[in-house]
Structure formats: C-alpha cells, structure tokens
Amino acid sequence: MAALAWQDWLGFAGAALMLLALFLLLFAPRADGRARARAALGLLGAAALLPAALRYFNPPLFFLLVAWLLLNAYGLFRRPGGA
C-alpha cells in the first residue's frame, strides 16, 4: 500500500466532519439552535475533501461535494427563520 498524501489525510478529516454534521442533523433535537454549526461542519468537511477529490478526479464525487458545499453555504448564510 502506498503512503497516503496530505490530500488523503485532509479528506479523511473532511469525511469525518461531514458525517458528524449528518449525524447531528439526524439525531440532535431540531430546535436546538445549532443549525448554523451543523452547516459550518458540513461546509468545512466538504471543503476539506475537495483536494482529495481533485487529486483522484471523479466527476460524481466532485459534483456531490460541490452540491454539499452550496447547500451548506446556503444553510450557513441564510437569514434565521427566513425562507
């Protein structure tokens, strides 16, 4: 097995952040006021995965990460209580 590059380690960290954000979304109380924190975790996780996705370019994964980035950026920067 070849040694892992920095992009791989950053990708592991990003995947862990994305999974943590999803776990919190699914299992944390809905009205706890932490929606922005979960969106920030998802945004940082997807951003951390991008270098690995670009190193081993895979179009479906790249599309998923860009969509995840955009959706979490929307959740992070939208007005509270607004549509």
N, C-alpha and C. Protein backbone atom coordinates (compact mmCIF):
# COMPACT_ATOMS: atom_id res chain seq x y z
N MET A 1 0.85 -1.17 0.00
CA MET A 1 0.00 0.00 0.00
C MET A 1 0.89 1.24 0.00
N ALA A 2 0.61 2.16 -0.86
CA ALA A 2 1.40 3.38 -0.96
C ALA A 2 1.10 4.29 0.22
N ALA A 3 2.07 5.13 0.52
CA ALA A 3 1.87 6.10 1.61
C ALA A 3 0.78 7.09 1.22
N LEU A 4 0.03 7.51 2.19
CA LEU A 4 -1.05 8.45 1.93
C LEU A 4 -0.50 9.86 1.84
N ALA A 5 -1.01 10.63 0.90
CA ALA A 5 -0.61 12.02 0.71
C ALA A 5 -1.41 12.91 1.65
N TRP A 6 -0.98 14.16 1.77
CA TRP A 6 -1.68 15.10 2.65
C TRP A 6 -3.13 15.27 2.24
N GLN A 7 -3.43 15.18 0.92
CA GLN A 7 -4.80 15.32 0.46
C GLN A 7 -5.68 14.20 1.01
N ASP A 8 -5.09 13.02 1.13
CA ASP A 8 -5.84 11.88 1.67
C ASP A 8 -6.18 12.09 3.14
N TRP A 9 -5.20 12.54 3.93
CA TRP A 9 -5.44 12.78 5.35
C TRP A 9 -6.46 13.89 5.55
N LEU A 10 -6.34 14.94 4.75
CA LEU A 10 -7.31 16.02 4.82
C LEU A 10 -8.70 15.52 4.41
N GLY A 11 -8.75 14.64 3.43
CA GLY A 11 -10.01 14.04 3.00
C GLY A 11 -10.65 13.20 4.09
N PHE A 12 -9.84 12.44 4.83
CA PHE A 12 -10.38 11.66 5.97
C PHE A 12 -11.00 12.59 7.00
N ALA A 13 -10.30 13.67 7.31
CA ALA A 13 -10.83 14.64 8.28
C ALA A 13 -12.12 15.27 7.76
N GLY A 14 -12.15 15.61 6.47
CA GLY A 14 -13.35 16.18 5.88
C GLY A 14 -14.52 15.22 5.90
N ALA A 15 -14.25 13.96 5.60
CA ALA A 15 -15.32 12.95 5.64
C ALA A 15 -15.87 12.81 7.05
N ALA A 16 -14.97 12.84 8.05
CA ALA A 16 -15.42 12.74 9.44
C ALA A 16 -16.30 13.94 9.81
N LEU A 17 -15.92 15.15 9.37
CA LEU A 17 -16.74 16.33 9.66
C LEU A 17 -18.10 16.25 8.98
N MET A 18 -18.11 15.79 7.74
CA MET A 18 -19.39 15.66 7.03
C MET A 18 -20.29 14.64 7.71
N LEU A 19 -19.73 13.52 8.13
CA LEU A 19 -20.52 12.51 8.81
C LEU A 19 -21.01 13.00 10.17
N LEU A 20 -20.18 13.76 10.88
CA LEU A 20 -20.61 14.34 12.14
C LEU A 20 -21.77 15.31 11.94
N ALA A 21 -21.67 16.14 10.91
CA ALA A 21 -22.76 17.08 10.61
C ALA A 21 -24.05 16.32 10.29
N LEU A 22 -23.95 15.27 9.51
CA LEU A 22 -25.13 14.48 9.18
C LEU A 22 -25.69 13.78 10.42
N PHE A 23 -24.82 13.23 11.24
CA PHE A 23 -25.25 12.58 12.48
C PHE A 23 -26.00 13.57 13.37
N LEU A 24 -25.44 14.78 13.52
CA LEU A 24 -26.10 15.79 14.35
C LEU A 24 -27.44 16.21 13.76
N LEU A 25 -27.51 16.29 12.44
CA LEU A 25 -28.78 16.65 11.80
C LEU A 25 -29.84 15.59 12.07
N LEU A 26 -29.44 14.33 12.01
CA LEU A 26 -30.41 13.25 12.15
C LEU A 26 -30.80 12.96 13.60
N PHE A 27 -29.87 13.14 14.54
CA PHE A 27 -30.12 12.68 15.89
C PHE A 27 -30.17 13.78 16.95
N ALA A 28 -29.79 15.00 16.62
CA ALA A 28 -29.87 16.09 17.60
C ALA A 28 -31.27 16.70 17.54
N PRO A 29 -31.72 17.28 18.61
CA PRO A 29 -33.03 17.94 18.58
C PRO A 29 -33.08 19.02 17.51
N ARG A 30 -34.20 19.14 16.85
CA ARG A 30 -34.33 20.08 15.73
C ARG A 30 -34.27 21.54 16.16
N ALA A 31 -34.85 21.86 17.28
CA ALA A 31 -34.96 23.27 17.68
C ALA A 31 -33.87 23.66 18.68
N ASP A 32 -32.68 23.12 18.52
CA ASP A 32 -31.63 23.42 19.48
C ASP A 32 -30.80 24.64 19.11
N GLY A 33 -31.09 25.29 18.00
CA GLY A 33 -30.38 26.50 17.62
C GLY A 33 -28.99 26.26 17.07
N ARG A 34 -28.69 25.05 16.68
CA ARG A 34 -27.35 24.74 16.18
C ARG A 34 -27.31 24.44 14.69
N ALA A 35 -28.29 24.91 13.96
CA ALA A 35 -28.33 24.64 12.52
C ALA A 35 -27.13 25.25 11.81
N ARG A 36 -26.72 26.43 12.22
CA ARG A 36 -25.56 27.07 11.59
C ARG A 36 -24.28 26.31 11.90
N ALA A 37 -24.16 25.78 13.11
CA ALA A 37 -22.97 24.99 13.46
C ALA A 37 -22.90 23.73 12.61
N ARG A 38 -24.05 23.08 12.42
CA ARG A 38 -24.07 21.88 11.56
C ARG A 38 -23.74 22.23 10.13
N ALA A 39 -24.26 23.36 9.64
CA ALA A 39 -23.95 23.78 8.28
C ALA A 39 -22.47 24.11 8.14
N ALA A 40 -21.89 24.71 9.16
CA ALA A 40 -20.46 25.03 9.12
C ALA A 40 -19.62 23.76 9.11
N LEU A 41 -20.01 22.75 9.89
CA LEU A 41 -19.30 21.47 9.87
C LEU A 41 -19.36 20.83 8.50
N GLY A 42 -20.55 20.82 7.90
CA GLY A 42 -20.69 20.25 6.56
C GLY A 42 -19.90 21.01 5.52
N LEU A 43 -19.89 22.32 5.63
CA LEU A 43 -19.15 23.16 4.69
C LEU A 43 -17.65 22.91 4.81
N LEU A 44 -17.14 22.89 6.03
CA LEU A 44 -15.71 22.63 6.24
C LEU A 44 -15.33 21.22 5.81
N GLY A 45 -16.20 20.27 6.08
CA GLY A 45 -15.91 18.89 5.69
C GLY A 45 -15.82 18.73 4.18
N ALA A 46 -16.77 19.30 3.46
CA ALA A 46 -16.74 19.20 2.00
C ALA A 46 -15.54 19.94 1.43
N ALA A 47 -15.21 21.09 2.00
CA ALA A 47 -14.05 21.84 1.53
C ALA A 47 -12.76 21.06 1.78
N ALA A 48 -12.69 20.34 2.90
CA ALA A 48 -11.51 19.54 3.20
C ALA A 48 -11.39 18.33 2.28
N LEU A 49 -12.51 17.83 1.79
CA LEU A 49 -12.48 16.69 0.88
C LEU A 49 -12.12 17.08 -0.56
N LEU A 50 -12.29 18.33 -0.91
CA LEU A 50 -12.05 18.76 -2.30
C LEU A 50 -10.64 18.45 -2.81
N PRO A 51 -9.57 18.71 -2.05
CA PRO A 51 -8.23 18.39 -2.60
C PRO A 51 -8.07 16.92 -2.97
N ALA A 52 -8.61 16.02 -2.15
CA ALA A 52 -8.54 14.59 -2.48
C ALA A 52 -9.38 14.28 -3.71
N ALA A 53 -10.54 14.94 -3.82
CA ALA A 53 -11.40 14.70 -4.97
C ALA A 53 -10.76 15.22 -6.25
N LEU A 54 -9.99 16.28 -6.14
CA LEU A 54 -9.31 16.80 -7.32
C LEU A 54 -8.07 15.98 -7.67
N ARG A 55 -7.41 15.43 -6.64
CA ARG A 55 -6.22 14.61 -6.90
C ARG A 55 -6.59 13.33 -7.66
N TYR A 56 -7.63 12.68 -7.23
CA TYR A 56 -8.14 11.47 -7.90
C TYR A 56 -9.49 11.83 -8.50
N PHE A 57 -9.47 12.62 -9.56
CA PHE A 57 -10.70 13.23 -10.05
C PHE A 57 -11.75 12.18 -10.39
N ASN A 58 -12.92 12.37 -9.79
CA ASN A 58 -14.07 11.50 -10.00
C ASN A 58 -15.26 12.44 -10.17
N PRO A 59 -15.81 12.57 -11.38
CA PRO A 59 -16.89 13.55 -11.60
C PRO A 59 -18.09 13.41 -10.68
N PRO A 60 -18.63 12.22 -10.40
CA PRO A 60 -19.77 12.16 -9.49
C PRO A 60 -19.42 12.64 -8.07
N LEU A 61 -18.25 12.28 -7.57
CA LEU A 61 -17.84 12.74 -6.24
C LEU A 61 -17.66 14.25 -6.24
N PHE A 62 -17.05 14.79 -7.27
CA PHE A 62 -16.85 16.23 -7.37
C PHE A 62 -18.20 16.96 -7.38
N PHE A 63 -19.16 16.45 -8.16
CA PHE A 63 -20.50 17.02 -8.21
C PHE A 63 -21.16 16.98 -6.84
N LEU A 64 -21.04 15.85 -6.13
CA LEU A 64 -21.62 15.72 -4.80
C LEU A 64 -21.01 16.73 -3.83
N LEU A 65 -19.69 16.89 -3.87
CA LEU A 65 -19.04 17.82 -2.96
C LEU A 65 -19.41 19.26 -3.25
N VAL A 66 -19.49 19.63 -4.52
CA VAL A 66 -19.88 21.00 -4.86
C VAL A 66 -21.32 21.25 -4.41
N ALA A 67 -22.21 20.29 -4.63
CA ALA A 67 -23.59 20.45 -4.18
C ALA A 67 -23.65 20.55 -2.65
N TRP A 68 -22.89 19.73 -1.95
CA TRP A 68 -22.86 19.77 -0.49
C TRP A 68 -22.35 21.12 0.00
N LEU A 69 -21.29 21.64 -0.67
CA LEU A 69 -20.76 22.96 -0.32
C LEU A 69 -21.82 24.04 -0.50
N LEU A 70 -22.50 24.03 -1.63
CA LEU A 70 -23.50 25.06 -1.91
C LEU A 70 -24.68 25.00 -0.94
N LEU A 71 -25.17 23.80 -0.67
CA LEU A 71 -26.30 23.65 0.24
C LEU A 71 -25.94 24.06 1.66
N ASN A 72 -24.75 23.70 2.12
CA ASN A 72 -24.35 24.08 3.47
C ASN A 72 -24.02 25.56 3.55
N ALA A 73 -23.48 26.14 2.49
CA ALA A 73 -23.25 27.58 2.47
C ALA A 73 -24.58 28.32 2.55
N TYR A 74 -25.58 27.84 1.83
CA TYR A 74 -26.92 28.43 1.92
C TYR A 74 -27.45 28.32 3.35
N GLY A 75 -27.34 27.15 3.96
CA GLY A 75 -27.81 26.97 5.33
C GLY A 75 -27.05 27.82 6.33
N LEU A 76 -25.79 28.08 6.06
CA LEU A 76 -24.98 28.88 6.97
C LEU A 76 -25.29 30.37 6.87
N PHE A 77 -25.54 30.86 5.66
CA PHE A 77 -25.65 32.29 5.45
C PHE A 77 -27.08 32.80 5.25
N ARG A 78 -28.08 31.92 5.29
CA ARG A 78 -29.46 32.41 5.15
C ARG A 78 -29.88 33.12 6.44
N ARG A 79 -30.90 33.93 6.29
CA ARG A 79 -31.43 34.65 7.47
C ARG A 79 -32.10 33.68 8.41
N PRO A 80 -31.90 33.85 9.72
CA PRO A 80 -32.57 32.96 10.69
C PRO A 80 -34.08 33.09 10.58
N GLY A 81 -34.75 31.96 10.53
CA GLY A 81 -36.20 31.94 10.44
C GLY A 81 -36.74 32.31 9.10
N GLY A 82 -35.88 32.66 8.16
CA GLY A 82 -36.34 33.06 6.82
C GLY A 82 -36.39 31.88 5.87
N ALA A 83 -37.10 32.07 4.80
CA ALA A 83 -37.21 31.01 3.81
C ALA A 83 -36.15 31.17 2.75
